[in-house]
Amino acid sequence: MLKKLYESTAGSYESLEEGCQFLNFKTNLFTLKEVFEMPAARVKNERGQEPWYVGWGNCDPDILANIRKYYAVPEFLPEDAEFPVTENLFFGYEMGAVMHLDYIPRLMWQGQVRGKKTWSLIPVPECENVCHKFQYYVEPGDVVLLDTRLWYHATSIPKGQFSMTVQSEYG
């Protein structure tokens, strides 16, 4: 569906080249177009294929409006919360994200759409005396609220499993 949507929307790939971030994590895929051009065997993570995991900012307003038809902003967020004009999609097999902090202007929510994912969190040094590292597991339908600017975080996906997540900021 995403491939068809991007291919049928004029200028969609250019939005990624004009400041919308593409994250290849530890894969050898460097553009969204490369992701959508992968051989079917790799897309499905068939035996002998290299796993992959990517994420990107969805900046094209037409694509964003179309994708938002499939999910809603979490109901428990404040009604007066401001939301950016971009949201991120993360999907792929087995890999996840390495330990990092996000340099974003607002708090973050992330909804698990498909598959399962383990989050590992470590506090920033200023909080080590009070805060403790921990892990949690999410499944489809779970929503994570996390200040990823204050917690180092990494994600991992169980071997052989596909994960898809939508993420946005609010504040």
N, C-alpha and C. Protein backbone atom coordinates (compact mmCIF):
# COMPACT_ATOMS: atom_id res chain seq x y z
N MET A 1 0.82 -1.19 0.00
CA MET A 1 0.00 0.00 0.00
C MET A 1 0.87 1.27 0.00
N LEU A 2 1.89 1.29 0.88
CA LEU A 2 2.76 2.48 0.95
C LEU A 2 3.50 2.71 -0.36
N LYS A 3 3.98 1.63 -0.95
CA LYS A 3 4.68 1.75 -2.23
C LYS A 3 3.77 2.37 -3.28
N LYS A 4 2.55 1.86 -3.40
CA LYS A 4 1.60 2.41 -4.38
C LYS A 4 1.29 3.87 -4.09
N LEU A 5 1.14 4.19 -2.82
CA LEU A 5 0.82 5.56 -2.43
C LEU A 5 1.95 6.51 -2.81
N TYR A 6 3.19 6.14 -2.50
CA TYR A 6 4.33 7.00 -2.84
C TYR A 6 4.52 7.10 -4.36
N GLU A 7 4.35 5.99 -5.06
CA GLU A 7 4.54 6.02 -6.52
C GLU A 7 3.45 6.79 -7.23
N SER A 8 2.27 6.87 -6.65
CA SER A 8 1.17 7.58 -7.31
C SER A 8 1.02 9.04 -6.87
N THR A 9 1.86 9.48 -5.96
CA THR A 9 1.80 10.86 -5.46
C THR A 9 2.97 11.65 -6.01
N ALA A 10 2.67 12.62 -6.86
CA ALA A 10 3.73 13.44 -7.47
C ALA A 10 4.54 14.15 -6.39
N GLY A 11 5.86 14.07 -6.48
CA GLY A 11 6.75 14.77 -5.57
C GLY A 11 6.98 14.09 -4.24
N SER A 12 6.43 12.90 -4.06
CA SER A 12 6.52 12.24 -2.75
C SER A 12 7.96 11.89 -2.38
N TYR A 13 8.73 11.36 -3.29
CA TYR A 13 10.11 11.02 -2.98
C TYR A 13 10.96 12.28 -2.77
N GLU A 14 10.62 13.34 -3.47
CA GLU A 14 11.36 14.59 -3.33
C GLU A 14 11.22 15.17 -1.94
N SER A 15 10.08 14.93 -1.26
CA SER A 15 9.90 15.46 0.10
C SER A 15 10.95 14.88 1.04
N LEU A 16 11.39 13.65 0.77
CA LEU A 16 12.45 13.05 1.58
C LEU A 16 13.80 13.67 1.28
N GLU A 17 13.99 14.14 0.08
CA GLU A 17 15.26 14.76 -0.30
C GLU A 17 15.33 16.21 0.17
N GLU A 18 14.18 16.80 0.52
CA GLU A 18 14.14 18.21 0.88
C GLU A 18 13.97 18.42 2.38
N GLY A 19 14.57 17.56 3.18
CA GLY A 19 14.58 17.80 4.61
C GLY A 19 13.81 16.81 5.45
N CYS A 20 13.03 15.94 4.86
CA CYS A 20 12.35 14.91 5.63
C CYS A 20 13.34 13.76 5.81
N GLN A 21 13.51 13.33 7.03
CA GLN A 21 14.57 12.40 7.37
C GLN A 21 14.26 10.96 6.97
N PHE A 22 15.27 10.27 6.42
CA PHE A 22 15.21 8.84 6.16
C PHE A 22 16.28 8.18 7.02
N LEU A 23 15.89 7.17 7.79
CA LEU A 23 16.82 6.47 8.68
C LEU A 23 16.98 5.04 8.20
N ASN A 24 18.21 4.67 7.87
CA ASN A 24 18.43 3.31 7.40
C ASN A 24 18.93 2.39 8.50
N PHE A 25 19.13 2.92 9.69
CA PHE A 25 19.62 2.15 10.82
C PHE A 25 20.84 1.36 10.39
N LYS A 26 20.82 0.04 10.48
CA LYS A 26 22.01 -0.75 10.14
C LYS A 26 21.87 -1.46 8.80
N THR A 27 20.97 -0.98 7.94
CA THR A 27 20.77 -1.66 6.66
C THR A 27 21.60 -1.00 5.56
N ASN A 28 21.59 -1.62 4.40
CA ASN A 28 22.27 -1.06 3.24
C ASN A 28 21.27 -0.38 2.30
N LEU A 29 20.16 0.08 2.84
CA LEU A 29 19.14 0.80 2.08
C LEU A 29 19.26 2.29 2.43
N PHE A 30 19.38 3.14 1.42
CA PHE A 30 19.67 4.55 1.69
C PHE A 30 18.57 5.50 1.25
N THR A 31 17.54 4.98 0.58
CA THR A 31 16.41 5.82 0.18
C THR A 31 15.14 4.99 0.30
N LEU A 32 14.02 5.67 0.41
CA LEU A 32 12.74 4.98 0.46
C LEU A 32 12.47 4.26 -0.86
N LYS A 33 12.92 4.86 -1.94
CA LYS A 33 12.75 4.21 -3.25
C LYS A 33 13.48 2.86 -3.29
N GLU A 34 14.68 2.80 -2.69
CA GLU A 34 15.40 1.52 -2.62
C GLU A 34 14.62 0.50 -1.81
N VAL A 35 13.97 0.94 -0.74
CA VAL A 35 13.15 0.04 0.08
C VAL A 35 12.03 -0.55 -0.78
N PHE A 36 11.35 0.32 -1.51
CA PHE A 36 10.22 -0.13 -2.32
C PHE A 36 10.65 -0.93 -3.55
N GLU A 37 11.93 -0.89 -3.91
CA GLU A 37 12.44 -1.66 -5.05
C GLU A 37 13.14 -2.95 -4.64
N MET A 38 13.12 -3.30 -3.36
CA MET A 38 13.76 -4.54 -2.91
C MET A 38 13.11 -5.75 -3.58
N PRO A 39 13.89 -6.80 -3.81
CA PRO A 39 13.29 -8.04 -4.33
C PRO A 39 12.26 -8.58 -3.34
N ALA A 40 11.23 -9.22 -3.84
CA ALA A 40 10.14 -9.74 -3.00
C ALA A 40 10.66 -10.65 -1.90
N ALA A 41 11.68 -11.44 -2.18
CA ALA A 41 12.22 -12.36 -1.17
C ALA A 41 12.79 -11.59 0.02
N ARG A 42 13.44 -10.47 -0.24
CA ARG A 42 13.99 -9.68 0.87
C ARG A 42 12.88 -8.92 1.60
N VAL A 43 11.91 -8.42 0.84
CA VAL A 43 10.78 -7.72 1.47
C VAL A 43 10.14 -8.63 2.50
N LYS A 44 10.00 -9.92 2.19
CA LYS A 44 9.34 -10.88 3.08
C LYS A 44 10.31 -11.54 4.05
N ASN A 45 11.57 -11.15 4.02
CA ASN A 45 12.60 -11.69 4.90
C ASN A 45 12.70 -13.21 4.79
N GLU A 46 12.66 -13.71 3.54
CA GLU A 46 12.76 -15.15 3.32
C GLU A 46 14.14 -15.66 3.70
N ARG A 47 14.23 -16.92 3.95
CA ARG A 47 15.49 -17.56 4.37
C ARG A 47 16.63 -17.18 3.42
N GLY A 48 17.77 -16.81 4.02
CA GLY A 48 18.94 -16.43 3.24
C GLY A 48 18.99 -14.95 2.87
N GLN A 49 17.93 -14.22 3.16
CA GLN A 49 17.88 -12.78 2.84
C GLN A 49 18.37 -11.97 4.04
N GLU A 50 18.91 -10.82 3.74
CA GLU A 50 19.41 -9.93 4.78
C GLU A 50 18.25 -9.16 5.42
N PRO A 51 18.13 -9.21 6.77
CA PRO A 51 17.05 -8.44 7.39
C PRO A 51 17.24 -6.95 7.17
N TRP A 52 16.18 -6.21 7.30
CA TRP A 52 16.23 -4.77 7.08
C TRP A 52 15.26 -4.08 8.04
N TYR A 53 15.54 -2.82 8.32
CA TYR A 53 14.69 -2.00 9.18
C TYR A 53 14.96 -0.55 8.83
N VAL A 54 13.91 0.21 8.53
CA VAL A 54 14.06 1.61 8.13
C VAL A 54 12.99 2.46 8.80
N GLY A 55 13.20 3.76 8.76
CA GLY A 55 12.20 4.71 9.22
C GLY A 55 12.34 5.99 8.43
N TRP A 56 11.24 6.72 8.33
CA TRP A 56 11.32 7.99 7.62
C TRP A 56 10.23 8.93 8.08
N GLY A 57 10.52 10.21 7.92
CA GLY A 57 9.54 11.24 8.19
C GLY A 57 8.60 11.35 7.01
N ASN A 58 7.34 11.32 7.28
CA ASN A 58 6.33 11.42 6.23
C ASN A 58 5.92 12.89 6.12
N CYS A 59 6.56 13.62 5.21
CA CYS A 59 6.36 15.07 5.10
C CYS A 59 5.37 15.49 4.02
N ASP A 60 5.06 14.62 3.10
CA ASP A 60 4.16 14.98 2.01
C ASP A 60 2.74 15.09 2.56
N PRO A 61 2.11 16.26 2.46
CA PRO A 61 0.78 16.44 3.07
C PRO A 61 -0.29 15.51 2.50
N ASP A 62 -0.23 15.19 1.22
CA ASP A 62 -1.22 14.29 0.62
C ASP A 62 -1.07 12.86 1.16
N ILE A 63 0.17 12.40 1.26
CA ILE A 63 0.42 11.06 1.78
C ILE A 63 0.06 11.01 3.26
N LEU A 64 0.44 12.03 4.00
CA LEU A 64 0.12 12.08 5.43
C LEU A 64 -1.39 12.00 5.65
N ALA A 65 -2.15 12.77 4.89
CA ALA A 65 -3.62 12.75 5.03
C ALA A 65 -4.17 11.37 4.69
N ASN A 66 -3.62 10.73 3.69
CA ASN A 66 -4.08 9.40 3.29
C ASN A 66 -3.75 8.36 4.35
N ILE A 67 -2.54 8.39 4.88
CA ILE A 67 -2.13 7.41 5.89
C ILE A 67 -2.89 7.63 7.19
N ARG A 68 -3.18 8.87 7.54
CA ARG A 68 -3.90 9.16 8.79
C ARG A 68 -5.32 8.61 8.79
N LYS A 69 -5.82 8.20 7.64
CA LYS A 69 -7.15 7.55 7.59
C LYS A 69 -7.13 6.21 8.30
N TYR A 70 -5.94 5.63 8.47
CA TYR A 70 -5.81 4.29 9.03
C TYR A 70 -5.54 4.26 10.53
N TYR A 71 -5.32 5.41 11.15
CA TYR A 71 -5.09 5.46 12.59
C TYR A 71 -5.49 6.83 13.12
N ALA A 72 -5.64 6.90 14.41
CA ALA A 72 -5.99 8.17 15.06
C ALA A 72 -4.92 8.51 16.09
N VAL A 73 -4.78 9.78 16.36
CA VAL A 73 -3.90 10.23 17.43
C VAL A 73 -4.45 9.64 18.73
N PRO A 74 -3.60 9.16 19.62
CA PRO A 74 -4.10 8.57 20.86
C PRO A 74 -5.08 9.49 21.59
N GLU A 75 -6.22 8.94 22.00
CA GLU A 75 -7.28 9.71 22.61
C GLU A 75 -6.90 10.35 23.93
N PHE A 76 -5.94 9.78 24.64
CA PHE A 76 -5.60 10.29 25.96
C PHE A 76 -4.64 11.47 25.93
N LEU A 77 -4.18 11.88 24.75
CA LEU A 77 -3.34 13.07 24.66
C LEU A 77 -4.21 14.31 24.86
N PRO A 78 -3.65 15.38 25.40
CA PRO A 78 -4.45 16.59 25.64
C PRO A 78 -5.06 17.14 24.35
N GLU A 79 -6.28 17.62 24.45
CA GLU A 79 -6.96 18.17 23.27
C GLU A 79 -6.25 19.38 22.69
N ASP A 80 -5.56 20.14 23.56
CA ASP A 80 -4.88 21.34 23.11
C ASP A 80 -3.42 21.08 22.71
N ALA A 81 -3.04 19.82 22.63
CA ALA A 81 -1.67 19.49 22.24
C ALA A 81 -1.42 19.90 20.79
N GLU A 82 -0.23 20.40 20.53
CA GLU A 82 0.16 20.74 19.17
C GLU A 82 0.85 19.53 18.56
N PHE A 83 0.57 19.29 17.29
CA PHE A 83 1.16 18.18 16.58
C PHE A 83 1.91 18.70 15.35
N PRO A 84 3.03 18.09 15.01
CA PRO A 84 3.77 18.55 13.82
C PRO A 84 3.04 18.14 12.54
N VAL A 85 3.50 18.69 11.45
CA VAL A 85 2.92 18.35 10.14
C VAL A 85 3.65 17.17 9.51
N THR A 86 4.31 16.40 10.33
CA THR A 86 4.98 15.20 9.86
C THR A 86 4.84 14.11 10.91
N GLU A 87 4.82 12.89 10.46
CA GLU A 87 4.86 11.74 11.34
C GLU A 87 5.85 10.76 10.74
N ASN A 88 6.34 9.87 11.56
CA ASN A 88 7.35 8.92 11.12
C ASN A 88 6.79 7.51 11.07
N LEU A 89 7.28 6.76 10.11
CA LEU A 89 6.95 5.35 10.00
C LEU A 89 8.24 4.56 10.16
N PHE A 90 8.17 3.47 10.90
CA PHE A 90 9.31 2.58 11.08
C PHE A 90 8.84 1.17 10.79
N PHE A 91 9.55 0.47 9.93
CA PHE A 91 9.19 -0.92 9.71
C PHE A 91 10.34 -1.73 9.17
N GLY A 92 10.22 -3.04 9.39
CA GLY A 92 11.23 -3.97 8.92
C GLY A 92 11.31 -5.18 9.83
N TYR A 93 12.37 -5.94 9.65
CA TYR A 93 12.55 -7.21 10.34
C TYR A 93 13.76 -7.19 11.26
N GLU A 94 13.58 -7.75 12.44
CA GLU A 94 14.65 -8.21 13.33
C GLU A 94 15.56 -7.15 13.93
N MET A 95 15.81 -6.05 13.29
CA MET A 95 16.90 -5.19 13.71
C MET A 95 16.53 -4.18 14.79
N GLY A 96 15.67 -3.24 14.50
CA GLY A 96 15.35 -2.18 15.44
C GLY A 96 16.40 -1.09 15.43
N ALA A 97 16.34 -0.24 16.44
CA ALA A 97 17.22 0.93 16.51
C ALA A 97 18.27 0.74 17.61
N VAL A 98 19.48 1.24 17.37
CA VAL A 98 20.55 1.19 18.37
C VAL A 98 20.27 2.23 19.45
N MET A 99 20.97 2.12 20.58
CA MET A 99 20.79 3.02 21.72
C MET A 99 21.11 4.46 21.29
N HIS A 100 20.17 5.39 21.58
CA HIS A 100 20.37 6.78 21.18
C HIS A 100 19.41 7.69 21.94
N LEU A 101 19.66 8.98 21.84
CA LEU A 101 18.73 10.02 22.27
C LEU A 101 18.18 10.67 21.02
N ASP A 102 16.95 11.17 21.09
CA ASP A 102 16.39 11.91 19.97
C ASP A 102 16.58 13.41 20.19
N TYR A 103 16.87 14.11 19.14
CA TYR A 103 17.00 15.57 19.20
C TYR A 103 15.79 16.15 18.49
N ILE A 104 14.67 16.11 19.19
CA ILE A 104 13.39 16.58 18.66
C ILE A 104 12.85 17.66 19.59
N PRO A 105 11.98 18.53 19.08
CA PRO A 105 11.51 19.65 19.91
C PRO A 105 10.41 19.31 20.91
N ARG A 106 9.74 18.17 20.76
CA ARG A 106 8.58 17.86 21.61
C ARG A 106 8.66 16.44 22.17
N LEU A 107 7.68 16.12 23.00
CA LEU A 107 7.53 14.75 23.49
C LEU A 107 7.10 13.86 22.33
N MET A 108 7.16 12.55 22.53
CA MET A 108 6.90 11.62 21.44
C MET A 108 5.89 10.57 21.86
N TRP A 109 5.02 10.18 20.91
CA TRP A 109 4.21 8.99 21.08
C TRP A 109 4.50 8.06 19.92
N GLN A 110 4.42 6.76 20.19
CA GLN A 110 4.68 5.78 19.14
C GLN A 110 3.69 4.64 19.30
N GLY A 111 2.97 4.34 18.23
CA GLY A 111 1.98 3.27 18.24
C GLY A 111 2.46 2.06 17.46
N GLN A 112 2.39 0.91 18.08
CA GLN A 112 2.79 -0.34 17.45
C GLN A 112 1.62 -0.84 16.59
N VAL A 113 1.82 -0.88 15.28
CA VAL A 113 0.76 -1.26 14.35
C VAL A 113 0.77 -2.76 14.10
N ARG A 114 1.95 -3.29 13.87
CA ARG A 114 2.08 -4.71 13.53
C ARG A 114 3.35 -5.27 14.16
N GLY A 115 3.31 -6.51 14.57
CA GLY A 115 4.49 -7.15 15.14
C GLY A 115 4.73 -6.74 16.58
N LYS A 116 5.86 -7.16 17.09
CA LYS A 116 6.21 -6.91 18.48
C LYS A 116 7.59 -6.26 18.53
N LYS A 117 7.84 -5.56 19.62
CA LYS A 117 9.10 -4.85 19.75
C LYS A 117 9.45 -4.72 21.23
N THR A 118 10.73 -4.86 21.54
CA THR A 118 11.21 -4.63 22.90
C THR A 118 11.95 -3.30 22.94
N TRP A 119 11.60 -2.49 23.92
CA TRP A 119 12.27 -1.22 24.16
C TRP A 119 13.22 -1.39 25.34
N SER A 120 14.43 -0.87 25.21
CA SER A 120 15.40 -0.82 26.31
C SER A 120 15.68 0.64 26.59
N LEU A 121 15.57 1.03 27.86
CA LEU A 121 15.78 2.43 28.25
C LEU A 121 16.85 2.56 29.31
N ILE A 122 17.68 3.60 29.16
CA ILE A 122 18.73 3.93 30.12
C ILE A 122 18.62 5.43 30.38
N PRO A 123 18.64 5.85 31.65
CA PRO A 123 18.51 7.28 31.93
C PRO A 123 19.77 8.05 31.52
N VAL A 124 19.56 9.33 31.29
CA VAL A 124 20.71 10.21 31.04
C VAL A 124 21.51 10.31 32.33
N PRO A 125 22.80 10.65 32.25
CA PRO A 125 23.65 10.68 33.45
C PRO A 125 23.09 11.54 34.60
N GLU A 126 22.41 12.62 34.30
CA GLU A 126 21.88 13.50 35.34
C GLU A 126 20.84 12.80 36.21
N CYS A 127 20.27 11.71 35.75
CA CYS A 127 19.20 11.02 36.46
C CYS A 127 19.61 9.66 37.00
N GLU A 128 20.86 9.27 36.81
CA GLU A 128 21.30 7.92 37.18
C GLU A 128 21.08 7.60 38.66
N ASN A 129 21.12 8.61 39.55
CA ASN A 129 20.96 8.36 40.98
C ASN A 129 19.53 7.98 41.33
N VAL A 130 18.57 8.44 40.54
CA VAL A 130 17.15 8.23 40.83
C VAL A 130 16.50 7.26 39.85
N CYS A 131 16.85 7.39 38.60
CA CYS A 131 16.23 6.60 37.53
C CYS A 131 17.02 5.32 37.29
N HIS A 132 16.34 4.30 36.85
CA HIS A 132 16.98 3.02 36.60
C HIS A 132 16.66 2.54 35.19
N LYS A 133 17.59 1.80 34.61
CA LYS A 133 17.32 1.26 33.28
C LYS A 133 16.25 0.19 33.38
N PHE A 134 15.50 0.03 32.29
CA PHE A 134 14.45 -0.98 32.25
C PHE A 134 14.10 -1.30 30.81
N GLN A 135 13.31 -2.36 30.65
CA GLN A 135 12.83 -2.78 29.33
C GLN A 135 11.33 -2.99 29.38
N TYR A 136 10.68 -2.85 28.25
CA TYR A 136 9.28 -3.22 28.14
C TYR A 136 9.02 -3.71 26.72
N TYR A 137 7.92 -4.41 26.59
CA TYR A 137 7.56 -5.11 25.37
C TYR A 137 6.25 -4.55 24.86
N VAL A 138 6.17 -4.25 23.56
CA VAL A 138 4.93 -3.73 22.98
C VAL A 138 4.41 -4.68 21.90
N GLU A 139 3.10 -4.68 21.76
CA GLU A 139 2.40 -5.49 20.77
C GLU A 139 1.46 -4.58 19.99
N PRO A 140 0.88 -5.07 18.89
CA PRO A 140 -0.04 -4.22 18.11
C PRO A 140 -1.13 -3.61 19.00
N GLY A 141 -1.33 -2.32 18.82
CA GLY A 141 -2.32 -1.58 19.61
C GLY A 141 -1.73 -0.85 20.79
N ASP A 142 -0.51 -1.21 21.21
CA ASP A 142 0.14 -0.51 22.32
C ASP A 142 0.66 0.84 21.85
N VAL A 143 0.56 1.84 22.71
CA VAL A 143 1.09 3.16 22.43
C VAL A 143 2.08 3.53 23.53
N VAL A 144 3.24 4.00 23.11
CA VAL A 144 4.30 4.40 24.03
C VAL A 144 4.35 5.92 24.09
N LEU A 145 4.37 6.45 25.30
CA LEU A 145 4.62 7.88 25.52
C LEU A 145 5.96 7.97 26.22
N LEU A 146 6.90 8.65 25.61
CA LEU A 146 8.25 8.66 26.15
C LEU A 146 8.95 9.95 25.77
N ASP A 147 9.66 10.52 26.71
CA ASP A 147 10.50 11.67 26.38
C ASP A 147 11.84 11.12 25.91
N THR A 148 11.95 10.91 24.61
CA THR A 148 13.14 10.30 24.02
C THR A 148 14.31 11.27 23.98
N ARG A 149 14.09 12.47 24.50
CA ARG A 149 15.19 13.43 24.64
C ARG A 149 15.90 13.23 25.96
N LEU A 150 15.25 12.54 26.91
CA LEU A 150 15.79 12.35 28.26
C LEU A 150 16.13 10.90 28.59
N TRP A 151 15.68 9.99 27.79
CA TRP A 151 15.97 8.58 27.99
C TRP A 151 16.70 8.04 26.76
N TYR A 152 17.88 7.46 26.99
CA TYR A 152 18.52 6.71 25.91
C TYR A 152 17.61 5.51 25.65
N HIS A 153 17.41 5.19 24.40
CA HIS A 153 16.51 4.10 24.07
C HIS A 153 16.98 3.34 22.84
N ALA A 154 16.67 2.07 22.84
CA ALA A 154 16.94 1.19 21.71
C ALA A 154 15.74 0.27 21.57
N THR A 155 15.53 -0.24 20.37
CA THR A 155 14.45 -1.19 20.15
C THR A 155 15.00 -2.43 19.46
N SER A 156 14.37 -3.54 19.71
CA SER A 156 14.74 -4.77 19.02
C SER A 156 13.46 -5.53 18.65
N ILE A 157 13.54 -6.23 17.57
CA ILE A 157 12.40 -6.98 17.03
C ILE A 157 12.78 -8.46 17.06
N PRO A 158 11.89 -9.31 17.54
CA PRO A 158 12.21 -10.75 17.59
C PRO A 158 12.60 -11.30 16.22
N LYS A 159 13.52 -12.24 16.23
CA LYS A 159 14.02 -12.85 15.00
C LYS A 159 12.86 -13.36 14.14
N GLY A 160 12.90 -12.99 12.87
CA GLY A 160 11.91 -13.43 11.91
C GLY A 160 10.62 -12.63 11.90
N GLN A 161 10.46 -11.71 12.84
CA GLN A 161 9.22 -10.95 12.92
C GLN A 161 9.31 -9.62 12.20
N PHE A 162 8.18 -9.21 11.66
CA PHE A 162 8.03 -7.90 11.01
C PHE A 162 7.40 -6.95 12.02
N SER A 163 7.91 -5.73 12.07
CA SER A 163 7.37 -4.70 12.96
C SER A 163 7.04 -3.47 12.15
N MET A 164 5.91 -2.85 12.47
CA MET A 164 5.53 -1.58 11.86
C MET A 164 5.00 -0.66 12.96
N THR A 165 5.53 0.56 12.97
CA THR A 165 5.20 1.54 14.00
C THR A 165 4.96 2.90 13.37
N VAL A 166 4.01 3.65 13.93
CA VAL A 166 3.82 5.04 13.54
C VAL A 166 4.22 5.88 14.75
N GLN A 167 4.89 6.99 14.50
CA GLN A 167 5.40 7.83 15.58
C GLN A 167 5.16 9.29 15.26
N SER A 168 4.84 10.07 16.29
CA SER A 168 4.68 11.50 16.13
C SER A 168 5.09 12.19 17.41
N GLU A 169 5.23 13.48 17.31
CA GLU A 169 5.54 14.31 18.47
C GLU A 169 4.26 15.05 18.89
N TYR A 170 4.26 15.52 20.11
CA TYR A 170 3.17 16.35 20.59
C TYR A 170 3.71 17.26 21.69
N GLY A 171 3.00 18.29 21.99
CA GLY A 171 3.45 19.18 23.07
C GLY A 171 2.59 20.39 23.18
